Protein backbone atom coordinates (compact mmCIF):
# COMPACT_ATOMS: atom_id res chain seq x y z
CA MET A 1 47.17 18.58 44.20
CA THR A 2 43.51 18.50 43.20
CA ALA A 3 41.38 21.54 42.53
CA SER A 4 39.30 20.97 45.69
CA ALA A 5 42.47 20.80 47.81
CA LEU A 6 43.70 24.05 46.28
CA ARG A 7 40.39 25.70 47.08
CA ARG A 8 40.51 24.50 50.70
CA ARG A 9 44.07 25.76 51.04
CA ALA A 10 43.14 29.13 49.59
CA ALA A 11 40.16 29.34 51.95
CA ARG A 12 42.43 28.64 54.95
CA VAL A 13 44.87 31.32 53.81
CA LEU A 14 42.06 33.84 53.43
CA GLN A 15 40.69 32.89 56.84
CA ARG A 16 44.10 33.38 58.48
CA ARG A 17 44.47 36.76 56.78
CA SER A 18 41.01 37.78 57.94
CA LEU A 19 41.78 36.75 61.53
CA THR A 20 45.09 38.60 61.41
CA ARG A 21 43.41 41.74 60.05
CA LEU A 22 40.70 41.45 62.72
CA ALA A 23 43.33 41.15 65.46
CA VAL A 24 45.19 44.20 64.12
CA TYR A 25 42.03 46.31 63.97
CA ALA A 26 40.97 45.16 67.46
CA THR A 27 44.38 46.14 68.85
CA LEU A 28 44.27 49.54 67.14
CA ILE A 29 40.74 50.20 68.39
CA PHE A 30 41.73 49.20 71.93
CA TRP A 31 44.69 51.57 72.04
CA ALA A 32 42.67 54.34 70.39
CA ILE A 33 40.09 54.03 73.17
CA ILE A 34 42.85 54.14 75.81
CA TYR A 35 44.38 57.20 74.15
CA LEU A 36 41.07 59.05 73.75
CA THR A 37 39.82 58.34 77.29
CA PRO A 38 41.44 61.48 78.82
CA ILE A 39 39.94 63.61 76.03
CA TYR A 40 36.51 62.15 76.78
CA LEU A 41 36.91 62.96 80.47
CA VAL A 42 38.01 66.51 79.71
CA LEU A 43 35.09 67.23 77.39
CA ASN A 44 32.60 65.34 79.56
CA THR A 45 33.55 67.32 82.67
CA SER A 46 33.76 70.67 80.88
CA LEU A 47 30.19 70.28 79.54
CA LYS A 48 28.70 69.63 82.97
CA PRO A 49 27.30 72.33 85.26
CA ARG A 50 29.48 72.87 88.31
CA ALA A 51 26.90 71.30 90.65
CA GLU A 52 26.90 68.10 88.62
CA VAL A 53 30.66 67.47 88.77
CA SER A 54 31.49 64.69 91.25
CA LEU A 55 33.70 61.62 91.46
CA ASP A 56 30.80 59.20 91.36
CA ARG A 57 29.60 60.69 88.04
CA VAL A 58 32.97 61.30 86.42
CA TRP A 59 32.26 58.78 83.62
CA ALA A 60 28.58 59.53 83.22
CA PRO A 61 27.55 62.00 80.49
CA PRO A 62 26.07 65.32 81.62
CA ARG A 63 22.38 65.33 82.46
CA GLN A 64 22.23 68.86 81.10
CA VAL A 65 24.86 70.15 78.67
CA SER A 66 26.27 73.51 79.71
CA VAL A 67 28.81 75.71 77.91
CA ASP A 68 29.17 78.14 80.82
CA ALA A 69 32.61 76.74 81.63
CA PHE A 70 33.82 77.41 78.08
CA ILE A 71 32.45 80.97 78.17
CA ALA A 72 34.19 81.64 81.49
CA ALA A 73 37.42 80.04 80.26
CA VAL A 74 37.43 82.22 77.14
CA GLU A 75 36.93 85.36 79.24
CA LYS A 76 39.75 84.45 81.64
CA LEU A 77 42.26 83.10 79.12
CA SER A 78 41.79 85.34 76.08
CA PRO A 79 44.46 87.94 77.07
CA ASN A 80 46.96 85.18 77.79
CA PHE A 81 45.97 83.40 74.59
CA ALA A 82 46.99 86.51 72.65
CA ASN A 83 50.30 86.57 74.55
CA SER A 84 50.96 82.96 73.59
CA VAL A 85 50.28 83.68 69.92
CA ILE A 86 52.55 86.74 69.95
CA LEU A 87 55.24 84.61 71.65
CA THR A 88 54.96 81.33 69.76
CA VAL A 89 54.65 82.44 66.14
CA PRO A 90 57.79 84.64 65.88
CA ALA A 91 59.85 82.37 68.15
CA THR A 92 58.96 79.35 66.00
CA LEU A 93 59.69 81.11 62.72
CA LEU A 94 62.94 82.67 63.92
CA SER A 95 64.30 79.42 65.35
CA ALA A 96 63.32 77.58 62.15
CA ILE A 97 65.00 80.11 59.83
CA ILE A 98 68.18 80.40 61.92
CA GLY A 99 68.32 76.62 62.35
CA SER A 100 67.96 76.25 58.58
CA LEU A 101 70.88 78.61 57.97
CA ASN A 102 72.98 76.78 60.57
CA GLY A 103 72.19 73.42 59.00
CA TYR A 104 73.06 74.80 55.56
CA VAL A 105 76.43 76.08 56.75
CA LEU A 106 77.34 72.98 58.76
CA SER A 107 76.38 70.54 56.00
CA LYS A 108 77.51 72.28 52.82
CA TRP A 109 80.36 74.58 53.80
CA ARG A 110 83.70 73.31 55.06
CA PHE A 111 85.50 75.49 57.58
CA ARG A 112 87.92 74.98 60.44
CA GLY A 113 86.25 74.08 63.73
CA ALA A 114 82.94 72.88 62.24
CA ASN A 115 83.34 69.48 63.91
CA ILE A 116 83.71 71.24 67.26
CA ILE A 117 80.99 73.86 66.88
CA PHE A 118 78.26 71.35 65.97
CA PRO A 119 78.71 69.07 69.02
CA LEU A 120 78.85 72.14 71.26
CA MET A 121 75.53 73.33 69.81
CA LEU A 122 73.98 69.91 70.37
CA PHE A 123 75.15 70.02 73.97
CA GLY A 124 72.63 72.80 74.50
CA MET A 125 69.79 70.28 74.17
CA PHE A 126 70.94 68.51 77.33
CA ILE A 127 71.14 71.55 79.60
CA PRO A 128 68.19 71.43 82.06
CA TYR A 129 66.01 74.52 82.16
CA GLN A 130 66.27 74.71 85.95
CA SER A 131 70.06 75.00 85.91
CA ILE A 132 70.10 78.27 83.95
CA LEU A 133 67.02 80.05 85.31
CA ILE A 134 68.87 82.40 87.67
CA PRO A 135 71.61 83.52 85.22
CA LEU A 136 68.99 83.73 82.47
CA PHE A 137 66.80 86.01 84.57
CA GLN A 138 69.81 88.16 85.47
CA LEU A 139 70.78 88.41 81.79
CA MET A 140 67.28 89.48 80.78
CA ARG A 141 67.27 92.07 83.54
CA GLU A 142 70.59 93.46 82.31
CA LEU A 143 69.18 93.61 78.79
CA ARG A 144 66.06 95.32 80.17
CA LEU A 145 63.87 92.59 78.73
CA ALA A 146 62.76 90.99 82.01
CA GLY A 147 58.99 90.72 82.24
CA THR A 148 58.43 91.18 78.51
CA LEU A 149 57.47 88.75 75.77
CA TRP A 150 60.76 89.58 74.06
CA SER A 151 62.62 87.77 76.84
CA LEU A 152 60.59 84.61 76.20
CA ILE A 153 60.98 84.91 72.41
CA LEU A 154 64.76 85.28 72.70
CA THR A 155 64.99 82.40 75.19
CA HIS A 156 62.97 79.98 73.07
CA VAL A 157 64.82 80.92 69.88
CA VAL A 158 68.20 80.27 71.50
CA TYR A 159 67.06 77.12 73.31
CA GLY A 160 65.49 75.78 70.12
CA LEU A 161 68.56 76.24 67.92
CA PRO A 162 70.27 72.92 68.83
CA ILE A 163 67.35 70.74 67.74
CA THR A 164 66.46 72.84 64.69
CA THR A 165 70.10 72.88 63.58
CA LEU A 166 70.33 69.11 64.00
CA ILE A 167 67.19 68.47 61.95
CA PHE A 168 68.22 70.77 59.11
CA ARG A 169 71.83 69.61 59.05
CA ASN A 170 70.76 65.98 58.68
CA TYR A 171 68.25 66.96 56.02
CA TYR A 172 70.61 69.13 53.99
CA ALA A 173 73.38 66.50 54.14
CA GLU A 174 71.36 64.46 51.61
CA ILE A 175 71.12 67.31 49.09
CA PRO A 176 73.66 66.52 46.35
CA ASP A 177 76.80 68.61 46.61
CA GLU A 178 76.72 68.92 42.84
CA LEU A 179 73.80 71.38 43.12
CA ILE A 180 75.87 73.66 45.35
CA GLU A 181 78.94 73.32 43.14
CA ALA A 182 76.91 74.11 40.03
CA GLY A 183 75.57 77.24 41.68
CA GLN A 184 79.07 78.30 42.70
CA ILE A 185 80.32 77.81 39.14
CA ASP A 186 77.49 80.09 37.96
CA GLY A 187 78.71 82.73 40.42
CA ALA A 188 75.96 82.43 43.01
CA SER A 189 76.78 83.92 46.39
CA PHE A 190 76.31 82.30 49.80
CA PHE A 191 72.81 83.66 50.34
CA LYS A 192 71.79 83.24 46.71
CA LEU A 193 72.65 79.54 46.92
CA TYR A 194 70.55 79.29 50.06
CA THR A 195 67.52 81.19 48.77
CA GLN A 196 67.45 79.73 45.25
CA VAL A 197 68.81 76.20 45.71
CA VAL A 198 68.56 75.04 49.31
CA PHE A 199 65.49 76.85 50.64
CA PRO A 200 63.07 75.63 47.91
CA LEU A 201 63.98 72.04 48.89
CA SER A 202 63.45 72.66 52.61
CA LEU A 203 59.67 72.30 52.99
CA PRO A 204 59.74 68.85 54.71
CA GLY A 205 62.38 70.04 57.16
CA PHE A 206 60.47 73.23 57.94
CA VAL A 207 57.28 71.26 58.58
CA VAL A 208 59.02 69.07 61.16
CA VAL A 209 60.71 72.02 62.86
CA ILE A 210 57.56 74.17 62.94
CA ILE A 211 55.45 71.41 64.47
CA TRP A 212 58.14 70.60 67.02
CA GLN A 213 58.93 74.17 68.01
CA PHE A 214 55.32 75.35 68.05
CA THR A 215 54.33 72.52 70.38
CA GLN A 216 57.31 72.98 72.69
CA ILE A 217 56.96 76.75 72.98
CA TRP A 218 53.17 76.77 73.33
CA ASN A 219 53.20 74.16 76.11
CA GLU A 220 56.25 75.49 77.98
CA TYR A 221 55.61 76.66 81.56
CA LEU A 222 58.85 77.13 83.51
CA PHE A 223 60.33 79.99 81.47
CA ALA A 224 56.87 81.54 81.15
CA VAL A 225 56.23 81.72 84.88
CA THR A 226 59.78 82.90 85.61
CA LEU A 227 60.51 85.53 82.96
CA ALA A 228 57.10 87.06 82.24
CA ASP A 229 55.07 89.58 84.23
CA PRO A 230 51.39 88.88 85.00
CA VAL A 231 50.40 91.08 82.06
CA THR A 232 52.61 89.22 79.58
CA GLN A 233 52.25 85.66 80.86
CA PRO A 234 51.24 83.09 78.23
CA ILE A 235 48.23 80.81 78.44
CA THR A 236 49.96 77.94 80.25
CA VAL A 237 50.53 80.13 83.32
CA ALA A 238 46.96 81.43 83.25
CA LEU A 239 45.67 77.87 82.98
CA SER A 240 47.53 76.83 86.12
CA GLN A 241 45.97 79.77 87.96
CA LEU A 242 42.42 78.58 87.21
CA ALA A 243 42.84 76.14 90.10
CA GLY A 244 43.15 78.95 92.62
CA GLY A 245 40.93 78.98 95.70
CA GLN A 246 39.63 76.27 98.01
CA ALA A 247 36.59 75.37 95.90
CA ILE A 248 38.01 74.15 92.60
CA ASP A 249 35.84 74.54 89.54
CA PHE A 250 36.74 71.39 87.61
CA SER A 251 34.44 72.28 84.71
CA LEU A 252 36.32 75.55 84.22
CA GLN A 253 39.70 73.82 84.45
CA MET A 254 38.76 71.17 81.93
CA ALA A 255 37.31 73.72 79.53
CA GLY A 256 40.48 75.81 79.85
CA SER A 257 42.68 72.76 79.24
CA PHE A 258 40.75 71.87 76.11
CA LEU A 259 40.90 75.41 74.74
CA THR A 260 44.62 75.62 75.51
CA ALA A 261 45.28 72.41 73.59
CA LEU A 262 43.32 73.45 70.49
CA PRO A 263 46.11 75.42 68.71
CA THR A 264 48.61 72.56 68.87
CA LEU A 265 45.88 70.14 67.84
CA PHE A 266 45.07 72.38 64.88
CA VAL A 267 48.75 72.49 63.84
CA TYR A 268 48.97 68.69 63.92
CA ILE A 269 45.75 68.32 61.92
CA LEU A 270 46.98 70.85 59.37
CA LEU A 271 50.57 69.60 59.02
CA GLY A 272 50.55 66.17 60.66
CA ARG A 273 50.55 64.17 57.44
CA TYR A 274 53.79 65.89 56.46
CA PHE A 275 55.44 65.30 59.85
CA ILE A 276 56.60 61.70 59.43
CA ARG A 277 57.40 62.38 55.77
CA GLY A 278 59.60 65.27 56.87
CA LEU A 279 61.30 63.21 59.57
CA LEU A 280 62.14 60.49 57.06
CA ALA A 281 63.13 62.89 54.27
CA GLY A 282 66.82 62.61 53.61
CA SER A 283 67.21 59.46 55.72
CA VAL A 284 67.35 57.18 52.68
CA LYS A 285 69.37 57.89 49.58
CA GLY A 286 68.14 57.15 46.10
């Protein structure tokens, strides 16, 4: 093959690669636009004065930018925002820590009935919320926790244990047993093995669990509207009540929706790059 033929062949290969890369980028840009369209509509509507919001101008940018809807949303949602923070942070941390201990026990300690206990715990993931609302409310009333944030914290911790246990058990299963055996030979106790051997290796698993639990608890509505009093209701319930009345203020609703979504968005921005890494951690040996 002559040098000119080799150059033509190389040029065709480069052209095909360029076209392939262009097609990939065009596809990614297309789906990014589709994905970001609702966010554009939310921000576009929330920045319009109430008189300017109409169906025929839903796509058009605001003639005059107004932040009145955001100011009103902050005033209405701030107490409930505080409730959501008080609820979500301890519930997420507690479910993560207990799930980590469960995963440690079920993956590294052999005991009778472990193969029965684990499937029974996983069964909890498939129980619909609606099926246990009445007995759950009665239980919280008997415990004198009905209407308090403690009832929601306890509910989300218990309901989150199946998935957190599953994630940590699969993650810890890939930690070499030799590390545990070496610690036992040195006389380390159960909790010392966990705190000094297992826990320092758990960062990827904790990132996955924290992102998952924080998002689920922050966005949850059914338990919040059922178990909490008006004073202790989290932000999702308050957001649904912004639609009250016959004349709906869409600017206020959109501003409230955007503000409600900011904490979960912040968590994903802060920890998102570790999320996939944490999901894949322990899935491949070597």
